[in-house]
Amino acid sequence: MFKAVWSIGRDGFDRIEALRRAAGACPQCISDGKDAYAGHVYVCEETGEPIAAGRMYPDGDALIIDRIAVMPQYDAMPYAELVLRMLLFRAQELPQREIRISCEEKRFALVRRFGFAQSGAHTFTCSRDAIVWNSECRH
């Protein structure tokens, strides 16, 4: 069983930073100034063992979702999709209508299943109202 924890800013950020590092994030992707005001979701085992995390933050009229990280031993399971679903669900409560996702190439297919169109090398864009929620949970 797992649990998910939401946080804003750097509250509890040490575990997210450690997860990003352990999941193999590039050094400049471990932490940046946006973490201070981003909303973070952290998924872990009931024992506290880290599984996955992601963040979202406003950028003008858009909401940015990025830094989706999954521990290597869980990467074959649909935890990246769980994190993305949780972030997109929370995004429905926010005023930004455009959502942009920045992700690694291995997450491109996942992001496309939610109706996002590629708008940059590693960026996908979709209107909040155009999200496809009935995508199958796949890994």
N, C-alpha and C. Protein backbone atom coordinates (compact mmCIF):
# COMPACT_ATOMS: atom_id res chain seq x y z
N MET A 1 0.84 -1.18 0.00
CA MET A 1 0.00 0.00 0.00
C MET A 1 0.89 1.24 0.00
N PHE A 2 0.36 2.33 -0.51
CA PHE A 2 1.13 3.57 -0.57
C PHE A 2 0.30 4.70 0.01
N LYS A 3 0.95 5.82 0.24
CA LYS A 3 0.24 7.03 0.65
C LYS A 3 0.81 8.19 -0.14
N ALA A 4 0.01 9.22 -0.28
CA ALA A 4 0.43 10.43 -1.00
C ALA A 4 0.31 11.62 -0.06
N VAL A 5 1.29 12.50 -0.15
CA VAL A 5 1.34 13.68 0.71
C VAL A 5 1.51 14.91 -0.18
N TRP A 6 0.67 15.93 0.05
CA TRP A 6 0.79 17.20 -0.66
C TRP A 6 1.55 18.18 0.21
N SER A 7 2.35 19.02 -0.41
CA SER A 7 3.02 20.09 0.33
C SER A 7 3.19 21.29 -0.60
N ILE A 8 3.37 22.45 0.02
CA ILE A 8 3.61 23.68 -0.72
C ILE A 8 4.98 24.19 -0.32
N GLY A 9 5.75 24.60 -1.30
CA GLY A 9 7.07 25.14 -1.02
C GLY A 9 8.03 24.10 -0.49
N ARG A 10 8.85 24.50 0.43
CA ARG A 10 9.91 23.62 0.93
C ARG A 10 9.51 22.84 2.17
N ASP A 11 8.26 22.87 2.54
CA ASP A 11 7.78 22.08 3.67
C ASP A 11 7.93 20.59 3.34
N GLY A 12 8.77 19.88 4.06
CA GLY A 12 9.00 18.46 3.79
C GLY A 12 9.78 18.20 2.52
N PHE A 13 10.45 19.24 2.00
CA PHE A 13 11.10 19.12 0.70
C PHE A 13 12.32 18.20 0.72
N ASP A 14 12.91 17.98 1.87
CA ASP A 14 14.12 17.15 1.93
C ASP A 14 13.88 15.76 1.36
N ARG A 15 12.71 15.19 1.60
CA ARG A 15 12.43 13.84 1.08
C ARG A 15 12.23 13.87 -0.44
N ILE A 16 11.65 14.95 -0.97
CA ILE A 16 11.47 15.08 -2.42
C ILE A 16 12.83 15.26 -3.10
N GLU A 17 13.66 16.09 -2.50
CA GLU A 17 15.00 16.30 -3.03
C GLU A 17 15.79 14.99 -3.05
N ALA A 18 15.69 14.22 -1.98
CA ALA A 18 16.38 12.92 -1.90
C ALA A 18 15.84 11.95 -2.95
N LEU A 19 14.52 11.96 -3.16
CA LEU A 19 13.92 11.09 -4.17
C LEU A 19 14.41 11.46 -5.56
N ARG A 20 14.42 12.74 -5.88
CA ARG A 20 14.90 13.18 -7.20
C ARG A 20 16.33 12.72 -7.43
N ARG A 21 17.15 12.89 -6.41
CA ARG A 21 18.55 12.49 -6.52
C ARG A 21 18.65 10.98 -6.74
N ALA A 22 17.95 10.20 -5.93
CA ALA A 22 18.00 8.73 -6.02
C ALA A 22 17.40 8.23 -7.33
N ALA A 23 16.44 8.98 -7.89
CA ALA A 23 15.80 8.57 -9.14
C ALA A 23 16.66 8.92 -10.36
N GLY A 24 17.81 9.56 -10.12
CA GLY A 24 18.73 9.84 -11.22
C GLY A 24 18.53 11.18 -11.91
N ALA A 25 17.88 12.13 -11.24
CA ALA A 25 17.69 13.45 -11.85
C ALA A 25 19.05 14.12 -12.06
N CYS A 26 19.15 14.89 -13.13
CA CYS A 26 20.39 15.62 -13.40
C CYS A 26 20.63 16.62 -12.26
N PRO A 27 21.88 16.99 -11.99
CA PRO A 27 22.18 17.87 -10.86
C PRO A 27 21.36 19.15 -10.82
N GLN A 28 21.14 19.79 -11.97
CA GLN A 28 20.35 21.03 -11.98
C GLN A 28 18.86 20.77 -11.82
N CYS A 29 18.44 19.50 -11.87
CA CYS A 29 17.02 19.15 -11.71
C CYS A 29 16.69 18.69 -10.29
N ILE A 30 17.66 18.71 -9.40
CA ILE A 30 17.42 18.29 -8.02
C ILE A 30 16.58 19.35 -7.30
N SER A 31 16.96 20.61 -7.44
CA SER A 31 16.27 21.69 -6.75
C SER A 31 16.50 22.99 -7.49
N ASP A 32 15.49 23.86 -7.49
CA ASP A 32 15.65 25.20 -8.04
C ASP A 32 14.73 26.15 -7.28
N GLY A 33 14.76 27.41 -7.63
CA GLY A 33 13.99 28.42 -6.92
C GLY A 33 12.48 28.21 -6.97
N LYS A 34 12.00 27.52 -8.00
CA LYS A 34 10.56 27.29 -8.13
C LYS A 34 10.03 26.35 -7.06
N ASP A 35 10.91 25.52 -6.50
CA ASP A 35 10.48 24.61 -5.44
C ASP A 35 9.96 25.37 -4.22
N ALA A 36 10.40 26.62 -4.04
CA ALA A 36 9.98 27.41 -2.89
C ALA A 36 8.49 27.76 -2.93
N TYR A 37 7.88 27.79 -4.11
CA TYR A 37 6.46 28.13 -4.20
C TYR A 37 5.63 27.08 -4.95
N ALA A 38 6.25 26.00 -5.36
CA ALA A 38 5.53 24.95 -6.09
C ALA A 38 4.69 24.10 -5.15
N GLY A 39 3.65 23.49 -5.73
CA GLY A 39 2.90 22.45 -5.03
C GLY A 39 3.54 21.12 -5.38
N HIS A 40 3.80 20.31 -4.37
CA HIS A 40 4.48 19.03 -4.56
C HIS A 40 3.57 17.89 -4.13
N VAL A 41 3.62 16.79 -4.87
CA VAL A 41 2.98 15.56 -4.41
C VAL A 41 4.10 14.54 -4.25
N TYR A 42 4.06 13.83 -3.13
CA TYR A 42 5.08 12.84 -2.78
C TYR A 42 4.35 11.54 -2.46
N VAL A 43 4.73 10.48 -3.16
CA VAL A 43 4.11 9.16 -2.96
C VAL A 43 5.16 8.25 -2.32
N CYS A 44 4.74 7.56 -1.26
CA CYS A 44 5.66 6.66 -0.59
C CYS A 44 4.92 5.42 -0.08
N GLU A 45 5.69 4.40 0.26
CA GLU A 45 5.14 3.22 0.91
C GLU A 45 4.65 3.65 2.29
N GLU A 46 3.77 2.86 2.89
CA GLU A 46 3.31 3.17 4.25
C GLU A 46 4.49 3.23 5.22
N THR A 47 5.55 2.52 4.91
CA THR A 47 6.76 2.53 5.74
C THR A 47 7.56 3.81 5.59
N GLY A 48 7.22 4.63 4.59
CA GLY A 48 7.95 5.86 4.32
C GLY A 48 8.93 5.74 3.18
N GLU A 49 9.13 4.53 2.66
CA GLU A 49 10.05 4.35 1.54
C GLU A 49 9.55 5.15 0.34
N PRO A 50 10.39 6.03 -0.24
CA PRO A 50 9.95 6.87 -1.35
C PRO A 50 9.64 6.08 -2.61
N ILE A 51 8.61 6.53 -3.33
CA ILE A 51 8.23 5.91 -4.60
C ILE A 51 8.32 6.91 -5.74
N ALA A 52 7.61 8.04 -5.62
CA ALA A 52 7.52 8.99 -6.74
C ALA A 52 7.16 10.38 -6.23
N ALA A 53 7.39 11.38 -7.07
CA ALA A 53 7.03 12.75 -6.73
C ALA A 53 6.88 13.56 -8.01
N GLY A 54 6.25 14.71 -7.89
CA GLY A 54 6.11 15.65 -8.99
C GLY A 54 5.73 17.00 -8.42
N ARG A 55 5.79 18.03 -9.26
CA ARG A 55 5.44 19.36 -8.77
C ARG A 55 4.68 20.14 -9.83
N MET A 56 4.02 21.21 -9.38
CA MET A 56 3.36 22.14 -10.29
C MET A 56 3.47 23.54 -9.71
N TYR A 57 3.48 24.53 -10.61
CA TYR A 57 3.59 25.91 -10.17
C TYR A 57 3.05 26.82 -11.27
N PRO A 58 2.57 28.01 -10.90
CA PRO A 58 2.05 28.93 -11.90
C PRO A 58 3.18 29.63 -12.64
N ASP A 59 2.93 29.90 -13.92
CA ASP A 59 3.86 30.66 -14.76
C ASP A 59 3.00 31.55 -15.64
N GLY A 60 2.68 32.73 -15.16
CA GLY A 60 1.78 33.62 -15.88
C GLY A 60 0.40 33.00 -15.98
N ASP A 61 -0.11 32.89 -17.21
CA ASP A 61 -1.44 32.33 -17.43
C ASP A 61 -1.44 30.81 -17.51
N ALA A 62 -0.29 30.19 -17.35
CA ALA A 62 -0.19 28.73 -17.47
C ALA A 62 0.20 28.10 -16.13
N LEU A 63 -0.07 26.83 -16.04
CA LEU A 63 0.36 26.03 -14.90
C LEU A 63 1.39 25.04 -15.43
N ILE A 64 2.53 24.98 -14.79
CA ILE A 64 3.61 24.09 -15.22
C ILE A 64 3.63 22.86 -14.32
N ILE A 65 3.71 21.69 -14.94
CA ILE A 65 3.92 20.43 -14.22
C ILE A 65 5.25 19.88 -14.70
N ASP A 66 6.11 19.56 -13.75
CA ASP A 66 7.41 18.99 -14.12
C ASP A 66 8.00 18.22 -12.95
N ARG A 67 9.23 17.80 -13.13
CA ARG A 67 9.99 17.08 -12.11
C ARG A 67 9.27 15.82 -11.63
N ILE A 68 8.61 15.13 -12.55
CA ILE A 68 8.01 13.83 -12.19
C ILE A 68 9.16 12.83 -12.10
N ALA A 69 9.35 12.31 -10.91
CA ALA A 69 10.46 11.38 -10.66
C ALA A 69 9.92 10.12 -9.99
N VAL A 70 10.43 8.98 -10.42
CA VAL A 70 10.02 7.69 -9.85
C VAL A 70 11.29 6.91 -9.52
N MET A 71 11.31 6.33 -8.34
CA MET A 71 12.45 5.50 -7.95
C MET A 71 12.61 4.37 -8.96
N PRO A 72 13.84 4.03 -9.33
CA PRO A 72 14.06 3.01 -10.37
C PRO A 72 13.34 1.69 -10.13
N GLN A 73 13.27 1.22 -8.91
CA GLN A 73 12.63 -0.07 -8.64
C GLN A 73 11.11 -0.02 -8.82
N TYR A 74 10.53 1.18 -8.94
CA TYR A 74 9.09 1.34 -9.13
C TYR A 74 8.74 1.85 -10.53
N ASP A 75 9.74 2.12 -11.34
CA ASP A 75 9.50 2.78 -12.63
C ASP A 75 8.67 1.93 -13.60
N ALA A 76 8.69 0.62 -13.45
CA ALA A 76 7.89 -0.24 -14.34
C ALA A 76 6.42 -0.26 -13.93
N MET A 77 6.10 0.30 -12.77
CA MET A 77 4.72 0.36 -12.30
C MET A 77 4.15 1.74 -12.62
N PRO A 78 2.84 1.90 -12.57
CA PRO A 78 2.22 3.15 -13.03
C PRO A 78 2.26 4.31 -12.03
N TYR A 79 3.34 4.46 -11.29
CA TYR A 79 3.41 5.56 -10.32
C TYR A 79 3.59 6.92 -10.99
N ALA A 80 4.25 6.99 -12.13
CA ALA A 80 4.34 8.27 -12.84
C ALA A 80 2.95 8.73 -13.25
N GLU A 81 2.12 7.78 -13.69
CA GLU A 81 0.74 8.14 -14.05
C GLU A 81 -0.05 8.59 -12.82
N LEU A 82 0.15 7.91 -11.70
CA LEU A 82 -0.54 8.32 -10.47
C LEU A 82 -0.17 9.75 -10.10
N VAL A 83 1.10 10.07 -10.11
CA VAL A 83 1.55 11.42 -9.79
C VAL A 83 0.96 12.43 -10.77
N LEU A 84 1.01 12.12 -12.06
CA LEU A 84 0.46 13.03 -13.06
C LEU A 84 -1.04 13.22 -12.86
N ARG A 85 -1.77 12.15 -12.63
CA ARG A 85 -3.21 12.27 -12.38
C ARG A 85 -3.50 13.16 -11.17
N MET A 86 -2.74 12.98 -10.11
CA MET A 86 -2.95 13.79 -8.91
C MET A 86 -2.68 15.26 -9.19
N LEU A 87 -1.61 15.55 -9.90
CA LEU A 87 -1.30 16.94 -10.24
C LEU A 87 -2.37 17.54 -11.14
N LEU A 88 -2.80 16.80 -12.15
CA LEU A 88 -3.84 17.30 -13.06
C LEU A 88 -5.17 17.49 -12.35
N PHE A 89 -5.49 16.60 -11.43
CA PHE A 89 -6.73 16.74 -10.67
C PHE A 89 -6.69 18.01 -9.83
N ARG A 90 -5.59 18.26 -9.16
CA ARG A 90 -5.45 19.47 -8.35
C ARG A 90 -5.47 20.71 -9.24
N ALA A 91 -4.94 20.60 -10.45
CA ALA A 91 -4.91 21.74 -11.38
C ALA A 91 -6.31 22.22 -11.72
N GLN A 92 -7.30 21.35 -11.62
CA GLN A 92 -8.69 21.73 -11.92
C GLN A 92 -9.20 22.81 -10.97
N GLU A 93 -8.59 22.92 -9.80
CA GLU A 93 -9.02 23.90 -8.79
C GLU A 93 -8.33 25.25 -8.95
N LEU A 94 -7.38 25.34 -9.84
CA LEU A 94 -6.58 26.56 -9.98
C LEU A 94 -7.06 27.40 -11.17
N PRO A 95 -6.74 28.69 -11.19
CA PRO A 95 -7.28 29.57 -12.23
C PRO A 95 -6.65 29.41 -13.61
N GLN A 96 -5.45 28.86 -13.71
CA GLN A 96 -4.78 28.76 -15.00
C GLN A 96 -5.51 27.76 -15.90
N ARG A 97 -5.79 28.17 -17.12
CA ARG A 97 -6.52 27.31 -18.06
C ARG A 97 -5.58 26.46 -18.91
N GLU A 98 -4.38 26.96 -19.15
CA GLU A 98 -3.40 26.20 -19.94
C GLU A 98 -2.46 25.46 -18.99
N ILE A 99 -2.21 24.20 -19.33
CA ILE A 99 -1.28 23.40 -18.54
C ILE A 99 -0.15 22.96 -19.46
N ARG A 100 1.07 23.17 -19.00
CA ARG A 100 2.26 22.73 -19.74
C ARG A 100 2.99 21.70 -18.89
N ILE A 101 3.39 20.63 -19.52
CA ILE A 101 4.14 19.58 -18.84
C ILE A 101 5.52 19.48 -19.47
N SER A 102 6.52 19.51 -18.64
CA SER A 102 7.89 19.30 -19.08
C SER A 102 8.33 17.95 -18.52
N CYS A 103 8.80 17.07 -19.39
CA CYS A 103 9.12 15.72 -18.93
C CYS A 103 10.23 15.09 -19.77
N GLU A 104 10.72 13.98 -19.25
CA GLU A 104 11.72 13.19 -19.96
C GLU A 104 11.04 12.44 -21.10
N GLU A 105 11.84 12.06 -22.08
CA GLU A 105 11.31 11.35 -23.25
C GLU A 105 10.56 10.08 -22.87
N LYS A 106 10.98 9.40 -21.84
CA LYS A 106 10.30 8.16 -21.46
C LYS A 106 8.88 8.40 -20.94
N ARG A 107 8.51 9.65 -20.67
CA ARG A 107 7.15 9.99 -20.22
C ARG A 107 6.28 10.57 -21.34
N PHE A 108 6.82 10.72 -22.55
CA PHE A 108 6.07 11.34 -23.65
C PHE A 108 4.76 10.61 -23.92
N ALA A 109 4.78 9.30 -24.03
CA ALA A 109 3.56 8.53 -24.35
C ALA A 109 2.51 8.71 -23.26
N LEU A 110 2.94 8.72 -22.01
CA LEU A 110 2.01 8.92 -20.89
C LEU A 110 1.31 10.26 -21.02
N VAL A 111 2.08 11.31 -21.24
CA VAL A 111 1.53 12.66 -21.33
C VAL A 111 0.57 12.78 -22.52
N ARG A 112 0.91 12.18 -23.64
CA ARG A 112 0.04 12.22 -24.82
C ARG A 112 -1.31 11.55 -24.55
N ARG A 113 -1.32 10.49 -23.76
CA ARG A 113 -2.59 9.79 -23.47
C ARG A 113 -3.59 10.69 -22.75
N PHE A 114 -3.10 11.72 -22.10
CA PHE A 114 -3.99 12.66 -21.41
C PHE A 114 -4.42 13.81 -22.32
N GLY A 115 -4.07 13.74 -23.60
CA GLY A 115 -4.50 14.74 -24.56
C GLY A 115 -3.53 15.89 -24.77
N PHE A 116 -2.35 15.80 -24.23
CA PHE A 116 -1.36 16.86 -24.39
C PHE A 116 -0.65 16.73 -25.73
N ALA A 117 -0.41 17.87 -26.37
CA ALA A 117 0.30 17.91 -27.66
C ALA A 117 1.69 18.48 -27.43
N GLN A 118 2.65 17.92 -28.12
CA GLN A 118 4.02 18.38 -27.96
C GLN A 118 4.15 19.80 -28.50
N SER A 119 4.73 20.68 -27.68
CA SER A 119 4.89 22.08 -28.07
C SER A 119 6.34 22.55 -27.98
N GLY A 120 7.23 21.65 -27.61
CA GLY A 120 8.66 21.94 -27.52
C GLY A 120 9.40 20.62 -27.42
N ALA A 121 10.70 20.68 -27.31
CA ALA A 121 11.51 19.45 -27.29
C ALA A 121 11.07 18.49 -26.19
N HIS A 122 10.78 19.00 -25.01
CA HIS A 122 10.34 18.17 -23.89
C HIS A 122 9.11 18.77 -23.21
N THR A 123 8.36 19.57 -23.95
CA THR A 123 7.21 20.27 -23.40
C THR A 123 5.94 19.89 -24.14
N PHE A 124 4.86 19.71 -23.37
CA PHE A 124 3.54 19.37 -23.90
C PHE A 124 2.54 20.35 -23.33
N THR A 125 1.51 20.69 -24.11
CA THR A 125 0.53 21.69 -23.71
C THR A 125 -0.88 21.17 -23.95
N CYS A 126 -1.78 21.56 -23.06
CA CYS A 126 -3.19 21.19 -23.19
C CYS A 126 -4.02 22.19 -22.40
N SER A 127 -5.21 22.47 -22.88
CA SER A 127 -6.15 23.27 -22.11
C SER A 127 -6.69 22.41 -20.98
N ARG A 128 -6.91 23.01 -19.85
CA ARG A 128 -7.45 22.28 -18.69
C ARG A 128 -8.74 21.55 -19.05
N ASP A 129 -9.55 22.15 -19.92
CA ASP A 129 -10.84 21.55 -20.29
C ASP A 129 -10.70 20.42 -21.31
N ALA A 130 -9.52 20.25 -21.89
CA ALA A 130 -9.33 19.24 -22.93
C ALA A 130 -8.59 17.99 -22.44
N ILE A 131 -8.32 17.92 -21.14
CA ILE A 131 -7.61 16.76 -20.60
C ILE A 131 -8.45 15.51 -20.82
N VAL A 132 -7.81 14.45 -21.28
CA VAL A 132 -8.47 13.15 -21.48
C VAL A 132 -8.28 12.35 -20.20
N TRP A 133 -9.37 12.18 -19.45
CA TRP A 133 -9.28 11.51 -18.15
C TRP A 133 -9.43 10.00 -18.24
N ASN A 134 -9.95 9.50 -19.33
CA ASN A 134 -10.24 8.06 -19.39
C ASN A 134 -9.09 7.24 -19.96
N SER A 135 -7.87 7.78 -19.91
CA SER A 135 -6.73 6.99 -20.39
C SER A 135 -6.55 5.79 -19.47
N GLU A 136 -6.17 4.68 -20.06
CA GLU A 136 -5.97 3.47 -19.26
C GLU A 136 -4.67 3.59 -18.48
N CYS A 137 -4.69 3.04 -17.30
CA CYS A 137 -3.49 3.01 -16.48
C CYS A 137 -2.56 1.94 -17.04
N ARG A 138 -1.45 2.36 -17.62
CA ARG A 138 -0.49 1.44 -18.24
C ARG A 138 0.89 1.72 -17.69
N HIS A 139 1.76 0.77 -17.86
CA HIS A 139 3.14 1.02 -17.46
C HIS A 139 4.09 0.66 -18.54
